Amino acid sequence: MSTPSVTEEVRSALAENRPVVALESTILSHGLPPGRNREVAERLEGVVRAAGAVPATIAVLGGVPKIGLTSGELDFVCNPANDLVKLSRRDLGAAYALKRDGATTVASTAALAHAAGIGVFATGGLGGVHRGARETWDVSADLDVLATTPVLIVCSGVKSILDMGATLELLETRSVPVLGFGTDRFPAFYRRESEFDVPWRVDSVRDAAAVVAAHRGVPGSAGVLLANPIPVDFEMDADLHERLLTEGLELLRERDVHGKEVTPVLLEHFHTASGGVSLDANEALVVSNATLAAAVAVELAA
């Protein structure tokens, strides 16, 4: 196994039992355009620090898992010329052995965070069950990792490209608690609500942390999903969202896109066809999730 490289800031925080929040790198390398991605990276780490926690952006560079990135490493991850591979948990061994540079998805970030002793992780959206999965078996590894890795993942639900009902059913089957933060409905990424209810609602950081702490005493190894709706001022108009989604689904069919390429292609279409509206929404929701994750991490460490 490749020995993780942990920044001094993160190592000190973990040694002193101070709150740490893991952040993924795929959103930087594959989810946002050059320039904007580096600004968002800085902003995410900034809001985590402002809330009293330490950020640990995770990636694999030269075959070495990095728990926390230096400024230069963030520059490297955000530069499209470096052509980082998108790494799920299954890809980590190959990336280590072949000394590759890669950005970590929700699945691999959660796995590496847990291995490093980090129990809270903020991201934009969770992967899930794809439409038509009965025929294709296209189900994100994010769900399996969350079911077997005791971390808290704070996100804005799943993208509407996915089969949301099937995703929630699978989370129930795998005994993953789903909490809605200030909402009774499961968020749909760019939209604050879907048609699906959440099993549990929490209305404060203290309550969210209490549920996470209590769940960690329950037998099993499942994590917890805290679903945080996109800030109301950045919610995408329903008609625009429906149009972009319909166009995006058709684009995926035309290009015969499957698996881990679906999300980058869909995001690119949303960003381009919305005239930047989805970019602002994407940034707003992931910043909101990082802020909430940091607040919960601080409460858990108190």
C-alpha atoms as a PDB file:
ATOM      1  CA  MET A   1       0.000   0.000   0.000  1.00  0.00           C
ATOM      2  CA  SER A   2       1.142   3.549  -0.738  1.00  0.00           C
ATOM      3  CA  THR A   3       1.721   5.456   2.501  1.00  0.00           C
ATOM      4  CA  PRO A   4      -0.472   8.569   2.630  1.00  0.00           C
ATOM      5  CA  SER A   5       1.174  11.979   2.711  1.00  0.00           C
ATOM      6  CA  VAL A   6      -0.566  14.133   5.310  1.00  0.00           C
ATOM      7  CA  THR A   7       0.034  17.879   5.543  1.00  0.00           C
ATOM      8  CA  GLU A   8       1.377  19.204   8.827  1.00  0.00           C
ATOM      9  CA  GLU A   9      -1.814  21.228   9.378  1.00  0.00           C
ATOM     10  CA  VAL A  10      -4.017  18.150   9.065  1.00  0.00           C
ATOM     11  CA  ARG A  11      -1.635  15.891  11.007  1.00  0.00           C
ATOM     12  CA  SER A  12      -1.516  18.319  13.934  1.00  0.00           C
ATOM     13  CA  ALA A  13      -5.293  18.723  13.993  1.00  0.00           C
ATOM     14  CA  LEU A  14      -5.861  14.973  14.032  1.00  0.00           C
ATOM     15  CA  ALA A  15      -3.231  14.425  16.737  1.00  0.00           C
ATOM     16  CA  GLU A  16      -4.905  17.066  18.901  1.00  0.00           C
ATOM     17  CA  ASN A  17      -8.449  15.808  18.181  1.00  0.00           C
ATOM     18  CA  ARG A  18      -9.392  19.071  16.506  1.00  0.00           C
ATOM     19  CA  PRO A  19     -12.128  19.058  13.825  1.00  0.00           C
ATOM     20  CA  VAL A  20     -11.089  18.202  10.265  1.00  0.00           C
ATOM     21  CA  VAL A  21     -13.264  18.208   7.136  1.00  0.00           C
ATOM     22  CA  ALA A  22     -12.345  16.181   4.048  1.00  0.00           C
ATOM     23  CA  LEU A  23     -12.944  17.720   0.614  1.00  0.00           C
ATOM     24  CA  GLU A  24     -12.900  15.863  -2.706  1.00  0.00           C
ATOM     25  CA  SER A  25     -10.836  16.891  -5.713  1.00  0.00           C
ATOM     26  CA  THR A  26     -12.959  15.626  -8.614  1.00  0.00           C
ATOM     27  CA  ILE A  27     -15.127  18.734  -8.452  1.00  0.00           C
ATOM     28  CA  LEU A  28     -11.956  20.766  -9.031  1.00  0.00           C
ATOM     29  CA  SER A  29     -10.494  18.717 -11.888  1.00  0.00           C
ATOM     30  CA  HIS A  30     -13.671  17.538 -13.611  1.00  0.00           C
ATOM     31  CA  GLY A  31     -16.583  19.612 -12.301  1.00  0.00           C
ATOM     32  CA  LEU A  32     -15.546  23.244 -12.735  1.00  0.00           C
ATOM     33  CA  PRO A  33     -13.782  25.181 -15.517  1.00  0.00           C
ATOM     34  CA  PRO A  34     -10.136  26.313 -15.226  1.00  0.00           C
ATOM     35  CA  GLY A  35      -9.694  29.411 -13.108  1.00  0.00           C
ATOM     36  CA  ARG A  36     -13.065  29.046 -11.446  1.00  0.00           C
ATOM     37  CA  ASN A  37     -11.984  25.712  -9.981  1.00  0.00           C
ATOM     38  CA  ARG A  38      -8.967  27.233  -8.224  1.00  0.00           C
ATOM     39  CA  GLU A  39     -11.094  30.044  -6.807  1.00  0.00           C
ATOM     40  CA  VAL A  40     -13.600  27.525  -5.477  1.00  0.00           C
ATOM     41  CA  ALA A  41     -10.815  25.399  -3.963  1.00  0.00           C
ATOM     42  CA  GLU A  42      -9.587  28.447  -2.051  1.00  0.00           C
ATOM     43  CA  ARG A  43     -13.088  29.390  -0.990  1.00  0.00           C
ATOM     44  CA  LEU A  44     -13.947  25.899   0.242  1.00  0.00           C
ATOM     45  CA  GLU A  45     -10.861  25.661   2.410  1.00  0.00           C
ATOM     46  CA  GLY A  46     -11.504  29.206   3.622  1.00  0.00           C
ATOM     47  CA  VAL A  47     -15.060  28.583   4.837  1.00  0.00           C
ATOM     48  CA  VAL A  48     -13.972  25.411   6.627  1.00  0.00           C
ATOM     49  CA  ARG A  49     -11.256  27.335   8.475  1.00  0.00           C
ATOM     50  CA  ALA A  50     -13.638  30.213   9.222  1.00  0.00           C
ATOM     51  CA  ALA A  51     -15.986  27.754  10.926  1.00  0.00           C
ATOM     52  CA  GLY A  52     -13.180  26.521  13.176  1.00  0.00           C
ATOM     53  CA  ALA A  53     -12.153  23.315  11.391  1.00  0.00           C
ATOM     54  CA  VAL A  54      -9.177  22.253   9.280  1.00  0.00           C
ATOM     55  CA  PRO A  55      -9.737  21.437   5.580  1.00  0.00           C
ATOM     56  CA  ALA A  56      -8.198  18.314   4.051  1.00  0.00           C
ATOM     57  CA  THR A  57      -8.578  18.315   0.283  1.00  0.00           C
ATOM     58  CA  ILE A  58      -7.744  14.807  -0.932  1.00  0.00           C
ATOM     59  CA  ALA A  59      -6.134  13.634  -4.191  1.00  0.00           C
ATOM     60  CA  VAL A  60      -3.574  11.115  -5.475  1.00  0.00           C
ATOM     61  CA  LEU A  61      -0.402  12.644  -6.928  1.00  0.00           C
ATOM     62  CA  GLY A  62       2.423  10.562  -8.355  1.00  0.00           C
ATOM     63  CA  GLY A  63       0.778   7.479  -6.921  1.00  0.00           C
ATOM     64  CA  VAL A  64       0.745   8.912  -3.392  1.00  0.00           C
ATOM     65  CA  PRO A  65      -2.546   9.582  -1.565  1.00  0.00           C
ATOM     66  CA  LYS A  66      -2.495  13.167  -0.336  1.00  0.00           C
ATOM     67  CA  ILE A  67      -4.500  14.040   2.763  1.00  0.00           C
ATOM     68  CA  GLY A  68      -4.528  17.814   2.551  1.00  0.00           C
ATOM     69  CA  LEU A  69      -2.969  19.681  -0.361  1.00  0.00           C
ATOM     70  CA  THR A  70      -0.426  22.483  -0.468  1.00  0.00           C
ATOM     71  CA  SER A  71      -1.143  25.589  -2.528  1.00  0.00           C
ATOM     72  CA  GLY A  72       1.096  24.262  -5.291  1.00  0.00           C
ATOM     73  CA  GLU A  73      -0.673  20.904  -5.264  1.00  0.00           C
ATOM     74  CA  LEU A  74      -4.046  22.633  -5.537  1.00  0.00           C
ATOM     75  CA  ASP A  75      -2.686  24.528  -8.551  1.00  0.00           C
ATOM     76  CA  PHE A  76      -1.636  21.201 -10.073  1.00  0.00           C
ATOM     77  CA  VAL A  77      -5.025  19.561  -9.498  1.00  0.00           C
ATOM     78  CA  CYS A  78      -6.864  22.546 -10.984  1.00  0.00           C
ATOM     79  CA  ASN A  79      -4.714  22.720 -14.139  1.00  0.00           C
ATOM     80  CA  PRO A  80      -6.471  20.770 -16.944  1.00  0.00           C
ATOM     81  CA  ALA A  81      -3.131  20.305 -18.730  1.00  0.00           C
ATOM     82  CA  ASN A  82      -2.226  17.749 -16.057  1.00  0.00           C
ATOM     83  CA  ASP A  83      -5.123  15.514 -17.151  1.00  0.00           C
ATOM     84  CA  LEU A  84      -5.883  13.933 -13.778  1.00  0.00           C
ATOM     85  CA  VAL A  85      -7.640  10.568 -13.825  1.00  0.00           C
ATOM     86  CA  LYS A  86     -10.990  10.355 -12.056  1.00  0.00           C
ATOM     87  CA  LEU A  87     -10.399   7.833  -9.264  1.00  0.00           C
ATOM     88  CA  SER A  88     -13.092   5.880  -7.453  1.00  0.00           C
ATOM     89  CA  ARG A  89     -12.149   3.552  -4.597  1.00  0.00           C
ATOM     90  CA  ARG A  90     -11.574   0.622  -6.968  1.00  0.00           C
ATOM     91  CA  ASP A  91      -8.999   2.662  -8.912  1.00  0.00           C
ATOM     92  CA  LEU A  92      -6.755   3.564  -5.989  1.00  0.00           C
ATOM     93  CA  GLY A  93      -4.517   0.491  -6.105  1.00  0.00           C
ATOM     94  CA  ALA A  94      -3.830   0.913  -9.811  1.00  0.00           C
ATOM     95  CA  ALA A  95      -3.120   4.619  -9.363  1.00  0.00           C
ATOM     96  CA  TYR A  96      -0.668   3.860  -6.546  1.00  0.00           C
ATOM     97  CA  ALA A  97       1.173   1.129  -8.437  1.00  0.00           C
ATOM     98  CA  LEU A  98       1.349   3.039 -11.723  1.00  0.00           C
ATOM     99  CA  LYS A  99       2.260   6.330 -10.007  1.00  0.00           C
ATOM    100  CA  ARG A 100      -0.634   8.206 -11.566  1.00  0.00           C
ATOM    101  CA  ASP A 101      -2.104  11.606 -10.777  1.00  0.00           C
ATOM    102  CA  GLY A 102      -5.793  11.409  -9.952  1.00  0.00           C
ATOM    103  CA  ALA A 103      -8.717  13.303  -8.493  1.00  0.00           C
ATOM    104  CA  THR A 104     -10.763  11.484  -5.876  1.00  0.00           C
ATOM    105  CA  THR A 105     -14.510  10.940  -6.157  1.00  0.00           C
ATOM    106  CA  VAL A 106     -16.923  10.758  -3.230  1.00  0.00           C
ATOM    107  CA  ALA A 107     -16.186   7.032  -2.847  1.00  0.00           C
ATOM    108  CA  SER A 108     -12.403   7.281  -2.806  1.00  0.00           C
ATOM    109  CA  THR A 109     -12.356  10.491  -0.766  1.00  0.00           C
ATOM    110  CA  ALA A 110     -14.551   8.910   1.906  1.00  0.00           C
ATOM    111  CA  ALA A 111     -12.365   5.795   2.004  1.00  0.00           C
ATOM    112  CA  LEU A 112      -9.118   7.762   2.273  1.00  0.00           C
ATOM    113  CA  ALA A 113     -10.575  10.195   4.806  1.00  0.00           C
ATOM    114  CA  HIS A 114     -11.706   7.366   7.074  1.00  0.00           C
ATOM    115  CA  ALA A 115      -8.341   5.622   6.791  1.00  0.00           C
ATOM    116  CA  ALA A 116      -6.672   8.869   7.886  1.00  0.00           C
ATOM    117  CA  GLY A 117      -8.995   9.292  10.866  1.00  0.00           C
ATOM    118  CA  ILE A 118     -11.239  11.980   9.361  1.00  0.00           C
ATOM    119  CA  GLY A 119     -14.946  11.433  10.023  1.00  0.00           C
ATOM    120  CA  VAL A 120     -16.611  14.359   8.219  1.00  0.00           C
ATOM    121  CA  PHE A 121     -16.626  15.000   4.477  1.00  0.00           C
ATOM    122  CA  ALA A 122     -18.287  17.728   2.380  1.00  0.00           C
ATOM    123  CA  THR A 123     -19.127  17.424  -1.299  1.00  0.00           C
ATOM    124  CA  GLY A 124     -21.602  18.733  -3.864  1.00  0.00           C
ATOM    125  CA  GLY A 125     -23.755  15.748  -4.732  1.00  0.00           C
ATOM    126  CA  LEU A 126     -23.740  12.034  -4.022  1.00  0.00           C
ATOM    127  CA  GLY A 127     -23.617   9.462  -6.798  1.00  0.00           C
ATOM    128  CA  GLY A 128     -26.516   7.048  -6.978  1.00  0.00           C
ATOM    129  CA  VAL A 129     -28.576   4.608  -8.989  1.00  0.00           C
ATOM    130  CA  HIS A 130     -28.724   5.625 -12.647  1.00  0.00           C
ATOM    131  CA  ARG A 131     -31.926   5.569 -14.644  1.00  0.00           C
ATOM    132  CA  GLY A 132     -32.306   2.220 -16.377  1.00  0.00           C
ATOM    133  CA  ALA A 133     -30.077   0.489 -13.833  1.00  0.00           C
ATOM    134  CA  ARG A 134     -32.276  -2.621 -13.981  1.00  0.00           C
ATOM    135  CA  GLU A 135     -30.733  -3.271 -17.388  1.00  0.00           C
ATOM    136  CA  THR A 136     -27.322  -1.604 -17.047  1.00  0.00           C
ATOM    137  CA  TRP A 137     -26.464  -2.216 -13.370  1.00  0.00           C
ATOM    138  CA  ASP A 138     -25.065   1.333 -13.386  1.00  0.00           C
ATOM    139  CA  VAL A 139     -24.927   2.175  -9.684  1.00  0.00           C
ATOM    140  CA  SER A 140     -22.365   4.552  -8.215  1.00  0.00           C
ATOM    141  CA  ALA A 141     -19.718   3.119  -5.913  1.00  0.00           C
ATOM    142  CA  ASP A 142     -20.461   6.092  -3.642  1.00  0.00           C
ATOM    143  CA  LEU A 143     -23.410   4.169  -2.197  1.00  0.00           C
ATOM    144  CA  ASP A 144     -21.432   1.034  -1.394  1.00  0.00           C
ATOM    145  CA  VAL A 145     -18.628   3.009   0.209  1.00  0.00           C
ATOM    146  CA  LEU A 146     -21.063   5.049   2.309  1.00  0.00           C
ATOM    147  CA  ALA A 147     -22.674   1.802   3.456  1.00  0.00           C
ATOM    148  CA  THR A 148     -19.343   0.400   4.646  1.00  0.00           C
ATOM    149  CA  THR A 149     -17.418   3.492   5.764  1.00  0.00           C
ATOM    150  CA  PRO A 150     -18.377   5.336   8.979  1.00  0.00           C
ATOM    151  CA  VAL A 151     -18.068   8.911   7.758  1.00  0.00           C
ATOM    152  CA  LEU A 152     -20.585  11.746   7.658  1.00  0.00           C
ATOM    153  CA  ILE A 153     -21.114  12.984   4.103  1.00  0.00           C
ATOM    154  CA  VAL A 154     -22.719  16.403   3.724  1.00  0.00           C
ATOM    155  CA  CYS A 155     -24.144  16.989   0.251  1.00  0.00           C
ATOM    156  CA  SER A 156     -27.087  18.510  -1.632  1.00  0.00           C
ATOM    157  CA  GLY A 157     -28.703  15.185  -2.442  1.00  0.00           C
ATOM    158  CA  VAL A 158     -28.183  13.633  -5.860  1.00  0.00           C
ATOM    159  CA  LYS A 159     -28.503  15.074  -9.345  1.00  0.00           C
ATOM    160  CA  SER A 160     -31.869  14.620 -11.045  1.00  0.00           C
ATOM    161  CA  ILE A 161     -30.159  12.675 -13.842  1.00  0.00           C
ATOM    162  CA  LEU A 162     -30.253   9.771 -11.368  1.00  0.00           C
ATOM    163  CA  ASP A 163     -33.085   7.563 -10.183  1.00  0.00           C
ATOM    164  CA  MET A 164     -33.628   9.308  -6.870  1.00  0.00           C
ATOM    165  CA  GLY A 165     -36.238   6.898  -5.543  1.00  0.00           C
ATOM    166  CA  ALA A 166     -34.061   3.860  -6.241  1.00  0.00           C
ATOM    167  CA  THR A 167     -31.066   5.629  -4.689  1.00  0.00           C
ATOM    168  CA  LEU A 168     -32.967   6.257  -1.458  1.00  0.00           C
ATOM    169  CA  GLU A 169     -34.256   2.676  -1.432  1.00  0.00           C
ATOM    170  CA  LEU A 170     -30.714   1.343  -1.770  1.00  0.00           C
ATOM    171  CA  LEU A 171     -29.491   3.599   1.049  1.00  0.00           C
ATOM    172  CA  GLU A 172     -32.283   2.186   3.216  1.00  0.00           C
ATOM    173  CA  THR A 173     -31.331  -1.376   2.275  1.00  0.00           C
ATOM    174  CA  ARG A 174     -27.717  -0.675   3.247  1.00  0.00           C
ATOM    175  CA  SER A 175     -28.769   0.876   6.597  1.00  0.00           C
ATOM    176  CA  VAL A 176     -27.462   4.366   5.813  1.00  0.00           C
ATOM    177  CA  PRO A 177     -29.300   7.069   7.807  1.00  0.00           C
ATOM    178  CA  VAL A 178     -30.448   9.977   5.625  1.00  0.00           C
ATOM    179  CA  LEU A 179     -30.995  13.288   7.404  1.00  0.00           C
ATOM    180  CA  GLY A 180     -32.569  16.371   5.858  1.00  0.00           C
ATOM    181  CA  PHE A 181     -31.063  19.596   7.199  1.00  0.00           C
ATOM    182  CA  GLY A 182     -34.003  21.946   7.692  1.00  0.00           C
ATOM    183  CA  THR A 183     -36.070  20.045   5.134  1.00  0.00           C
ATOM    184  CA  ASP A 184     -38.572  17.201   4.946  1.00  0.00           C
ATOM    185  CA  ARG A 185     -37.782  16.550   1.275  1.00  0.00           C
ATOM    186  CA  PHE A 186     -34.650  15.051  -0.224  1.00  0.00           C
ATOM    187  CA  PRO A 187     -32.751  17.761  -2.154  1.00  0.00           C
ATOM    188  CA  ALA A 188     -32.184  17.409  -5.907  1.00  0.00           C
ATOM    189  CA  PHE A 189     -28.850  19.234  -6.226  1.00  0.00           C
ATOM    190  CA  TYR A 190     -29.792  22.334  -8.276  1.00  0.00           C
ATOM    191  CA  ARG A 191     -33.328  22.180  -6.833  1.00  0.00           C
ATOM    192  CA  ARG A 192     -34.047  22.449  -3.116  1.00  0.00           C
ATOM    193  CA  GLU A 193     -36.639  19.685  -3.076  1.00  0.00           C
ATOM    194  CA  SER A 194     -37.499  16.483  -4.876  1.00  0.00           C
ATOM    195  CA  GLU A 195     -40.732  14.528  -4.608  1.00  0.00           C
ATOM    196  CA  PHE A 196     -39.141  12.198  -2.058  1.00  0.00           C
ATOM    197  CA  ASP A 197     -39.281  12.564   1.717  1.00  0.00           C
ATOM    198  CA  VAL A 198     -36.267  12.162   3.976  1.00  0.00           C
ATOM    199  CA  PRO A 199     -36.577   9.622   6.819  1.00  0.00           C
ATOM    200  CA  TRP A 200     -35.281  12.079   9.417  1.00  0.00           C
ATOM    201  CA  ARG A 201     -35.157  15.867   9.688  1.00  0.00           C
ATOM    202  CA  VAL A 202     -32.724  17.879  11.804  1.00  0.00           C
ATOM    203  CA  ASP A 203     -32.989  21.629  12.227  1.00  0.00           C
ATOM    204  CA  SER A 204     -29.742  22.467  13.974  1.00  0.00           C
ATOM    205  CA  VAL A 205     -26.058  21.655  13.836  1.00  0.00           C
ATOM    206  CA  ARG A 206     -26.293  20.338  17.387  1.00  0.00           C
ATOM    207  CA  ASP A 207     -29.029  17.857  16.455  1.00  0.00           C
ATOM    208  CA  ALA A 208     -27.150  16.736  13.344  1.00  0.00           C
ATOM    209  CA  ALA A 209     -24.005  16.100  15.379  1.00  0.00           C
ATOM    210  CA  ALA A 210     -25.998  14.283  18.063  1.00  0.00           C
ATOM    211  CA  VAL A 211     -27.461  11.890  15.486  1.00  0.00           C
ATOM    212  CA  VAL A 212     -24.035  11.218  13.972  1.00  0.00           C
ATOM    213  CA  ALA A 213     -22.493  10.593  17.394  1.00  0.00           C
ATOM    214  CA  ALA A 214     -25.324   8.261  18.404  1.00  0.00           C
ATOM    215  CA  HIS A 215     -25.190   6.393  15.089  1.00  0.00           C
ATOM    216  CA  ARG A 216     -21.500   5.700  15.614  1.00  0.00           C
ATOM    217  CA  GLY A 217     -22.500   3.706  18.681  1.00  0.00           C
ATOM    218  CA  VAL A 218     -24.854   1.504  16.659  1.00  0.00           C
ATOM    219  CA  PRO A 219     -23.429  -1.855  15.485  1.00  0.00           C
ATOM    220  CA  GLY A 220     -22.328  -1.752  11.857  1.00  0.00           C
ATOM    221  CA  SER A 221     -20.049   0.367   9.702  1.00  0.00           C
ATOM    222  CA  ALA A 222     -22.414   2.548   7.664  1.00  0.00           C
ATOM    223  CA  GLY A 223     -21.837   6.258   7.389  1.00  0.00           C
ATOM    224  CA  VAL A 224     -24.447   9.011   7.601  1.00  0.00           C
ATOM    225  CA  LEU A 225     -25.813  11.211   4.816  1.00  0.00           C
ATOM    226  CA  LEU A 226     -26.727  14.788   5.741  1.00  0.00           C
ATOM    227  CA  ALA A 227     -28.704  16.313   2.865  1.00  0.00           C
ATOM    228  CA  ASN A 228     -28.425  20.102   2.760  1.00  0.00           C
ATOM    229  CA  PRO A 229     -30.575  21.966   0.182  1.00  0.00           C
ATOM    230  CA  ILE A 230     -28.908  24.475  -2.133  1.00  0.00           C
ATOM    231  CA  PRO A 231     -29.158  28.054  -0.733  1.00  0.00           C
ATOM    232  CA  VAL A 232     -32.518  29.490  -1.783  1.00  0.00           C
ATOM    233  CA  ASP A 233     -31.015  32.424  -3.704  1.00  0.00           C
ATOM    234  CA  PHE A 234     -29.125  30.040  -5.992  1.00  0.00           C
ATOM    235  CA  GLU A 235     -31.829  27.460  -6.655  1.00  0.00           C
ATOM    236  CA  MET A 236     -32.217  26.891 -10.387  1.00  0.00           C
ATOM    237  CA  ASP A 237     -35.516  27.858 -12.001  1.00  0.00           C
ATOM    238  CA  ALA A 238     -37.692  24.760 -12.381  1.00  0.00           C
ATOM    239  CA  ASP A 239     -38.399  25.259 -16.098  1.00  0.00           C
ATOM    240  CA  LEU A 240     -34.730  25.899 -16.900  1.00  0.00           C
ATOM    241  CA  HIS A 241     -33.715  22.849 -14.898  1.00  0.00           C
ATOM    242  CA  GLU A 242     -36.216  20.622 -16.689  1.00  0.00           C
ATOM    243  CA  ARG A 243     -35.103  21.852 -20.115  1.00  0.00           C
ATOM    244  CA  LEU A 244     -31.413  21.348 -19.351  1.00  0.00           C
ATOM    245  CA  LEU A 245     -32.082  17.907 -17.911  1.00  0.00           C
ATOM    246  CA  THR A 246     -34.053  16.796 -20.971  1.00  0.00           C
ATOM    247  CA  GLU A 247     -31.320  18.082 -23.277  1.00  0.00           C
ATOM    248  CA  GLY A 248     -28.637  16.463 -21.135  1.00  0.00           C
ATOM    249  CA  LEU A 249     -30.307  13.055 -21.182  1.00  0.00           C
ATOM    250  CA  GLU A 250     -30.602  13.235 -24.967  1.00  0.00           C
ATOM    251  CA  LEU A 251     -26.939  14.238 -25.224  1.00  0.00           C
ATOM    252  CA  LEU A 252     -25.892  11.233 -23.148  1.00  0.00           C
ATOM    253  CA  ARG A 253     -27.898   8.938 -25.419  1.00  0.00           C
ATOM    254  CA  GLU A 254     -26.452  10.478 -28.585  1.00  0.00           C
ATOM    255  CA  ARG A 255     -22.878  10.122 -27.347  1.00  0.00           C
ATOM    256  CA  ASP A 256     -23.508   6.740 -25.708  1.00  0.00           C
ATOM    257  CA  VAL A 257     -22.003   8.001 -22.454  1.00  0.00           C
ATOM    258  CA  HIS A 258     -21.997   5.656 -19.463  1.00  0.00           C
ATOM    259  CA  GLY A 259     -20.412   5.161 -16.052  1.00  0.00           C
ATOM    260  CA  LYS A 260     -18.072   7.713 -14.547  1.00  0.00           C
ATOM    261  CA  GLU A 261     -18.176   9.931 -17.659  1.00  0.00           C
ATOM    262  CA  VAL A 262     -21.882  10.733 -17.189  1.00  0.00           C
ATOM    263  CA  THR A 263     -21.486  13.414 -14.526  1.00  0.00           C
ATOM    264  CA  PRO A 264     -18.691  15.433 -16.226  1.00  0.00           C
ATOM    265  CA  VAL A 265     -20.565  15.450 -19.560  1.00  0.00           C
ATOM    266  CA  LEU A 266     -23.829  16.436 -17.905  1.00  0.00           C
ATOM    267  CA  LEU A 267     -22.222  19.170 -15.815  1.00  0.00           C
ATOM    268  CA  GLU A 268     -20.498  20.607 -18.874  1.00  0.00           C
ATOM    269  CA  HIS A 269     -23.841  20.770 -20.705  1.00  0.00           C
ATOM    270  CA  PHE A 270     -25.545  22.443 -17.741  1.00  0.00           C
ATOM    271  CA  HIS A 271     -22.724  24.983 -17.375  1.00  0.00           C
ATOM    272  CA  THR A 272     -22.664  25.847 -21.077  1.00  0.00           C
ATOM    273  CA  ALA A 273     -26.389  25.817 -21.832  1.00  0.00           C
ATOM    274  CA  SER A 274     -27.387  27.735 -18.692  1.00  0.00           C
ATOM    275  CA  GLY A 275     -25.086  30.662 -19.424  1.00  0.00           C
ATOM    276  CA  GLY A 276     -23.240  30.150 -16.148  1.00  0.00           C
ATOM    277  CA  VAL A 277     -26.308  29.837 -13.914  1.00  0.00           C
ATOM    278  CA  SER A 278     -25.440  26.252 -12.995  1.00  0.00           C
ATOM    279  CA  LEU A 279     -21.835  27.221 -12.238  1.00  0.00           C
ATOM    280  CA  ASP A 280     -22.974  29.747  -9.656  1.00  0.00           C
ATOM    281  CA  ALA A 281     -25.408  27.197  -8.243  1.00  0.00           C
ATOM    282  CA  ASN A 282     -22.738  24.507  -8.072  1.00  0.00           C
ATOM    283  CA  GLU A 283     -20.341  26.779  -6.224  1.00  0.00           C
ATOM    284  CA  ALA A 284     -23.019  28.008  -3.826  1.00  0.00           C
ATOM    285  CA  LEU A 285     -24.170  24.554  -2.818  1.00  0.00           C
ATOM    286  CA  VAL A 286     -20.722  23.055  -2.286  1.00  0.00           C
ATOM    287  CA  VAL A 287     -19.631  26.081  -0.237  1.00  0.00           C
ATOM    288  CA  SER A 288     -22.810  25.776   1.835  1.00  0.00           C
ATOM    289  CA  ASN A 289     -22.119  22.077   2.384  1.00  0.00           C
ATOM    290  CA  ALA A 290     -18.515  22.713   3.422  1.00  0.00           C
ATOM    291  CA  THR A 291     -19.688  25.362   5.884  1.00  0.00           C
ATOM    292  CA  LEU A 292     -22.267  23.009   7.383  1.00  0.00           C
ATOM    293  CA  ALA A 293     -19.829  20.090   7.510  1.00  0.00           C
ATOM    294  CA  ALA A 294     -17.297  22.218   9.367  1.00  0.00           C
ATOM    295  CA  ALA A 295     -19.909  23.340  11.889  1.00  0.00           C
ATOM    296  CA  VAL A 296     -20.938  19.730  12.540  1.00  0.00           C
ATOM    297  CA  ALA A 297     -17.286  18.656  12.822  1.00  0.00           C
ATOM    298  CA  VAL A 298     -16.694  21.387  15.409  1.00  0.00           C
ATOM    299  CA  GLU A 299     -19.742  20.235  17.378  1.00  0.00           C
ATOM    300  CA  LEU A 300     -18.617  16.602  17.242  1.00  0.00           C
ATOM    301  CA  ALA A 301     -15.175  17.568  18.542  1.00  0.00           C
ATOM    302  CA  ALA A 302     -16.548  19.666  21.412  1.00  0.00           C
END
